[in-house]
């Protein structure tokens, strides 16, 4: 009985405490559309409210909606675009994101015969290690270990190896 009375007293108190921060600041849904410099919609961008860390992602047409209070700040983040901070008081329903180039370092692919020699040497070492792993128990060629060994070796054969 005492627990029940305590719970009845605590519910209104906790409700008052939880709503005290938002008192006088109504919660509204902030709606906008994200586009790039060329007017194309930006999908899959993250929009995060700094006050409560709630977040949403933009839809394929660039639109999103997030619950905010007056003067809340939000960050818009996308891997292909510069980050942008907006405020809930902004009434612009279209937000333009600037493209941020993402550059990879160059990759050079070369065919070098000398590297193939090292490849062959490494393959011979690997064959020796596999033989040790299987303990030579497959010399007659009839066991499952031998077949497993041969399949493993064949996967790593160089196309020009004879």
C-alpha atoms as a PDB file:
ATOM      1  CA  UNK A   1       0.000   0.000   0.000  1.00  0.00           C
ATOM      2  CA  UNK A   2       2.820   2.401   0.876  1.00  0.00           C
ATOM      3  CA  UNK A   3       4.518   1.650  -2.454  1.00  0.00           C
ATOM      4  CA  UNK A   4       1.332   2.451  -4.328  1.00  0.00           C
ATOM      5  CA  UNK A   5       0.981   5.833  -2.602  1.00  0.00           C
ATOM      6  CA  UNK A   6       4.653   6.604  -3.253  1.00  0.00           C
ATOM      7  CA  UNK A   7       4.207   5.853  -6.956  1.00  0.00           C
ATOM      8  CA  UNK A   8       1.126   8.078  -7.150  1.00  0.00           C
ATOM      9  CA  UNK A   9       3.111  10.939  -5.616  1.00  0.00           C
ATOM     10  CA  UNK A  10       6.208  10.423  -7.814  1.00  0.00           C
ATOM     11  CA  UNK A  11       4.396  10.315 -11.181  1.00  0.00           C
ATOM     12  CA  UNK A  12       3.260  13.971 -11.157  1.00  0.00           C
ATOM     13  CA  UNK A  13       6.641  15.121  -9.805  1.00  0.00           C
ATOM     14  CA  UNK A  14       8.621  13.353 -12.521  1.00  0.00           C
ATOM     15  CA  UNK A  15       6.218  14.649 -15.157  1.00  0.00           C
ATOM     16  CA  UNK A  16       6.779  18.223 -13.947  1.00  0.00           C
ATOM     17  CA  UNK A  17      10.561  17.770 -13.986  1.00  0.00           C
ATOM     18  CA  UNK A  18      10.565  16.287 -17.493  1.00  0.00           C
ATOM     19  CA  UNK A  19       8.420  19.085 -18.925  1.00  0.00           C
ATOM     20  CA  UNK A  20      10.174  21.895 -17.046  1.00  0.00           C
ATOM     21  CA  UNK A  21      12.927  22.154 -19.653  1.00  0.00           C
ATOM     22  CA  UNK A  22      10.496  22.582 -22.521  1.00  0.00           C
ATOM     23  CA  UNK A  23       8.099  24.901 -20.684  1.00  0.00           C
ATOM     24  CA  UNK A  24       7.151  27.806 -22.893  1.00  0.00           C
ATOM     25  CA  UNK A  25       8.883  26.255 -25.899  1.00  0.00           C
ATOM     26  CA  UNK A  26       6.406  24.285 -27.949  1.00  0.00           C
ATOM     27  CA  UNK A  27       7.650  21.320 -29.912  1.00  0.00           C
ATOM     28  CA  UNK A  28       7.039  21.566 -33.640  1.00  0.00           C
ATOM     29  CA  UNK A  29       8.000  19.531 -36.661  1.00  0.00           C
ATOM     30  CA  UNK A  30      10.679  21.223 -38.730  1.00  0.00           C
ATOM     31  CA  UNK A  31      10.284  20.234 -42.386  1.00  0.00           C
ATOM     32  CA  UNK A  32      12.688  21.017 -45.196  1.00  0.00           C
ATOM     33  CA  UNK A  33      14.166  19.682 -48.410  1.00  0.00           C
ATOM     34  CA  UNK A  34      17.866  19.189 -49.131  1.00  0.00           C
ATOM     35  CA  UNK A  35      19.211  19.950 -52.585  1.00  0.00           C
ATOM     36  CA  UNK A  36      22.712  20.314 -53.998  1.00  0.00           C
ATOM     37  CA  UNK A  37      24.115  23.295 -55.906  1.00  0.00           C
ATOM     38  CA  UNK A  38      22.424  22.093 -59.088  1.00  0.00           C
ATOM     39  CA  UNK A  39      18.978  21.672 -57.523  1.00  0.00           C
ATOM     40  CA  UNK A  40      19.143  17.872 -57.359  1.00  0.00           C
ATOM     41  CA  UNK A  41      17.708  16.287 -54.188  1.00  0.00           C
ATOM     42  CA  UNK A  42      20.178  14.977 -51.602  1.00  0.00           C
ATOM     43  CA  UNK A  43      19.071  11.649 -50.151  1.00  0.00           C
ATOM     44  CA  UNK A  44      20.444   9.739 -47.161  1.00  0.00           C
ATOM     45  CA  UNK A  45      21.832  12.796 -45.382  1.00  0.00           C
ATOM     46  CA  UNK A  46      21.851  12.707 -41.581  1.00  0.00           C
ATOM     47  CA  UNK A  47      20.057  15.484 -39.720  1.00  0.00           C
ATOM     48  CA  UNK A  48      20.742  15.501 -35.968  1.00  0.00           C
ATOM     49  CA  UNK A  49      19.190  17.816 -33.368  1.00  0.00           C
ATOM     50  CA  UNK A  50      21.962  19.014 -31.029  1.00  0.00           C
ATOM     51  CA  UNK A  51      19.622  19.505 -28.059  1.00  0.00           C
ATOM     52  CA  UNK A  52      18.348  15.950 -27.765  1.00  0.00           C
ATOM     53  CA  UNK A  53      20.543  14.083 -30.290  1.00  0.00           C
ATOM     54  CA  UNK A  54      17.535  12.750 -32.153  1.00  0.00           C
ATOM     55  CA  UNK A  55      18.232  12.225 -35.812  1.00  0.00           C
ATOM     56  CA  UNK A  56      16.588  11.445 -39.118  1.00  0.00           C
ATOM     57  CA  UNK A  57      17.762  10.826 -42.665  1.00  0.00           C
ATOM     58  CA  UNK A  58      16.562  12.574 -45.764  1.00  0.00           C
ATOM     59  CA  UNK A  59      14.349  10.656 -48.160  1.00  0.00           C
ATOM     60  CA  UNK A  60      15.091  10.016 -51.833  1.00  0.00           C
ATOM     61  CA  UNK A  61      13.439  13.324 -52.767  1.00  0.00           C
ATOM     62  CA  UNK A  62      15.622  15.173 -50.221  1.00  0.00           C
ATOM     63  CA  UNK A  63      12.790  15.891 -47.787  1.00  0.00           C
ATOM     64  CA  UNK A  64      12.950  15.340 -44.041  1.00  0.00           C
ATOM     65  CA  UNK A  65      11.038  16.232 -40.909  1.00  0.00           C
ATOM     66  CA  UNK A  66      12.377  16.408 -37.367  1.00  0.00           C
ATOM     67  CA  UNK A  67      10.769  17.513 -34.094  1.00  0.00           C
ATOM     68  CA  UNK A  68      12.419  20.618 -32.644  1.00  0.00           C
ATOM     69  CA  UNK A  69      11.909  23.462 -30.264  1.00  0.00           C
ATOM     70  CA  UNK A  70      12.483  27.103 -31.043  1.00  0.00           C
ATOM     71  CA  UNK A  71      16.189  27.916 -31.522  1.00  0.00           C
ATOM     72  CA  UNK A  72      17.302  24.277 -31.668  1.00  0.00           C
ATOM     73  CA  UNK A  73      20.422  23.732 -33.751  1.00  0.00           C
ATOM     74  CA  UNK A  74      20.752  20.839 -36.158  1.00  0.00           C
ATOM     75  CA  UNK A  75      23.661  19.517 -38.147  1.00  0.00           C
ATOM     76  CA  UNK A  76      23.261  18.119 -41.640  1.00  0.00           C
ATOM     77  CA  UNK A  77      25.914  15.623 -42.633  1.00  0.00           C
ATOM     78  CA  UNK A  78      26.528  13.647 -45.815  1.00  0.00           C
ATOM     79  CA  UNK A  79      29.725  12.036 -47.081  1.00  0.00           C
ATOM     80  CA  UNK A  80      29.591  13.876 -50.423  1.00  0.00           C
ATOM     81  CA  UNK A  81      28.647  17.312 -49.070  1.00  0.00           C
ATOM     82  CA  UNK A  82      29.976  19.872 -46.621  1.00  0.00           C
ATOM     83  CA  UNK A  83      28.448  19.800 -43.150  1.00  0.00           C
ATOM     84  CA  UNK A  84      25.922  22.483 -42.464  1.00  0.00           C
ATOM     85  CA  UNK A  85      24.430  23.766 -39.213  1.00  0.00           C
ATOM     86  CA  UNK A  86      20.901  25.133 -39.333  1.00  0.00           C
ATOM     87  CA  UNK A  87      18.538  26.531 -36.711  1.00  0.00           C
ATOM     88  CA  UNK A  88      14.903  25.614 -36.177  1.00  0.00           C
ATOM     89  CA  UNK A  89      13.930  29.269 -36.398  1.00  0.00           C
ATOM     90  CA  UNK A  90      15.073  29.320 -40.035  1.00  0.00           C
ATOM     91  CA  UNK A  91      11.947  29.177 -42.143  1.00  0.00           C
ATOM     92  CA  UNK A  92      13.600  28.333 -45.455  1.00  0.00           C
ATOM     93  CA  UNK A  93      12.117  25.046 -46.584  1.00  0.00           C
ATOM     94  CA  UNK A  94      14.900  24.359 -49.112  1.00  0.00           C
ATOM     95  CA  UNK A  95      18.458  23.909 -47.860  1.00  0.00           C
ATOM     96  CA  UNK A  96      21.320  23.942 -50.348  1.00  0.00           C
ATOM     97  CA  UNK A  97      24.329  21.740 -49.592  1.00  0.00           C
ATOM     98  CA  UNK A  98      27.690  22.391 -51.245  1.00  0.00           C
ATOM     99  CA  UNK A  99      29.477  19.454 -52.813  1.00  0.00           C
ATOM    100  CA  UNK A 100      32.681  18.478 -51.020  1.00  0.00           C
ATOM    101  CA  UNK A 101      35.096  16.617 -53.287  1.00  0.00           C
ATOM    102  CA  UNK A 102      36.243  13.317 -51.862  1.00  0.00           C
ATOM    103  CA  UNK A 103      39.515  12.324 -53.442  1.00  0.00           C
ATOM    104  CA  UNK A 104      41.178   8.942 -53.302  1.00  0.00           C
ATOM    105  CA  UNK A 105      44.910   8.570 -53.653  1.00  0.00           C
ATOM    106  CA  UNK A 106      45.947   7.130 -57.015  1.00  0.00           C
ATOM    107  CA  UNK A 107      46.392   3.391 -57.434  1.00  0.00           C
ATOM    108  CA  UNK A 108      49.027   2.082 -59.833  1.00  0.00           C
ATOM    109  CA  UNK A 109      48.654  -1.430 -61.196  1.00  0.00           C
ATOM    110  CA  UNK A 110      51.675  -2.923 -62.888  1.00  0.00           C
ATOM    111  CA  UNK A 111      52.583  -6.329 -64.230  1.00  0.00           C
ATOM    112  CA  UNK A 112      56.119  -7.131 -63.172  1.00  0.00           C
ATOM    113  CA  UNK A 113      57.777 -10.440 -63.937  1.00  0.00           C
ATOM    114  CA  UNK A 114      60.070 -10.172 -60.921  1.00  0.00           C
ATOM    115  CA  UNK A 115      57.084 -10.073 -58.595  1.00  0.00           C
ATOM    116  CA  UNK A 116      55.818 -13.289 -60.156  1.00  0.00           C
ATOM    117  CA  UNK A 117      59.112 -14.957 -59.192  1.00  0.00           C
ATOM    118  CA  UNK A 118      58.449 -14.005 -55.573  1.00  0.00           C
ATOM    119  CA  UNK A 119      54.910 -15.256 -55.953  1.00  0.00           C
ATOM    120  CA  UNK A 120      56.196 -18.648 -57.109  1.00  0.00           C
ATOM    121  CA  UNK A 121      58.690 -18.805 -54.217  1.00  0.00           C
ATOM    122  CA  UNK A 122      55.942 -18.002 -51.723  1.00  0.00           C
ATOM    123  CA  UNK A 123      53.734 -20.669 -53.275  1.00  0.00           C
ATOM    124  CA  UNK A 124      56.485 -23.275 -52.849  1.00  0.00           C
ATOM    125  CA  UNK A 125      56.856 -22.288 -49.200  1.00  0.00           C
ATOM    126  CA  UNK A 126      53.129 -22.533 -48.714  1.00  0.00           C
ATOM    127  CA  UNK A 127      53.073 -26.012 -50.310  1.00  0.00           C
ATOM    128  CA  UNK A 128      55.788 -27.154 -47.897  1.00  0.00           C
ATOM    129  CA  UNK A 129      53.846 -25.788 -44.942  1.00  0.00           C
ATOM    130  CA  UNK A 130      50.676 -27.512 -46.131  1.00  0.00           C
ATOM    131  CA  UNK A 131      52.546 -30.797 -46.440  1.00  0.00           C
ATOM    132  CA  UNK A 132      53.759 -30.410 -42.862  1.00  0.00           C
ATOM    133  CA  UNK A 133      50.223 -29.578 -41.772  1.00  0.00           C
ATOM    134  CA  UNK A 134      48.890 -32.778 -43.307  1.00  0.00           C
ATOM    135  CA  UNK A 135      51.880 -34.728 -41.890  1.00  0.00           C
ATOM    136  CA  UNK A 136      52.525 -36.589 -45.127  1.00  0.00           C
ATOM    137  CA  UNK A 137      49.647 -38.954 -44.289  1.00  0.00           C
ATOM    138  CA  UNK A 138      48.306 -38.744 -47.789  1.00  0.00           C
ATOM    139  CA  UNK A 139      51.267 -39.930 -49.895  1.00  0.00           C
ATOM    140  CA  UNK A 140      49.220 -42.680 -51.510  1.00  0.00           C
ATOM    141  CA  UNK A 141      46.692 -40.145 -52.852  1.00  0.00           C
ATOM    142  CA  UNK A 142      43.702 -42.037 -51.503  1.00  0.00           C
ATOM    143  CA  UNK A 143      42.869 -40.108 -48.333  1.00  0.00           C
ATOM    144  CA  UNK A 144      40.582 -37.117 -47.870  1.00  0.00           C
ATOM    145  CA  UNK A 145      43.554 -35.155 -46.508  1.00  0.00           C
ATOM    146  CA  UNK A 146      45.338 -35.532 -49.826  1.00  0.00           C
ATOM    147  CA  UNK A 147      42.308 -34.370 -51.797  1.00  0.00           C
ATOM    148  CA  UNK A 148      41.911 -31.390 -49.473  1.00  0.00           C
ATOM    149  CA  UNK A 149      45.587 -30.568 -49.910  1.00  0.00           C
ATOM    150  CA  UNK A 150      45.383 -30.804 -53.732  1.00  0.00           C
ATOM    151  CA  UNK A 151      42.260 -28.594 -53.817  1.00  0.00           C
ATOM    152  CA  UNK A 152      43.989 -25.991 -51.657  1.00  0.00           C
ATOM    153  CA  UNK A 153      47.103 -26.011 -53.854  1.00  0.00           C
ATOM    154  CA  UNK A 154      45.047 -25.748 -57.043  1.00  0.00           C
ATOM    155  CA  UNK A 155      43.287 -22.645 -55.757  1.00  0.00           C
ATOM    156  CA  UNK A 156      46.621 -20.891 -55.398  1.00  0.00           C
ATOM    157  CA  UNK A 157      48.221 -22.071 -58.653  1.00  0.00           C
ATOM    158  CA  UNK A 158      49.535 -19.377 -60.898  1.00  0.00           C
ATOM    159  CA  UNK A 159      47.967 -19.602 -64.393  1.00  0.00           C
ATOM    160  CA  UNK A 160      51.406 -19.913 -66.040  1.00  0.00           C
ATOM    161  CA  UNK A 161      52.662 -22.495 -63.524  1.00  0.00           C
ATOM    162  CA  UNK A 162      53.165 -25.958 -65.018  1.00  0.00           C
END
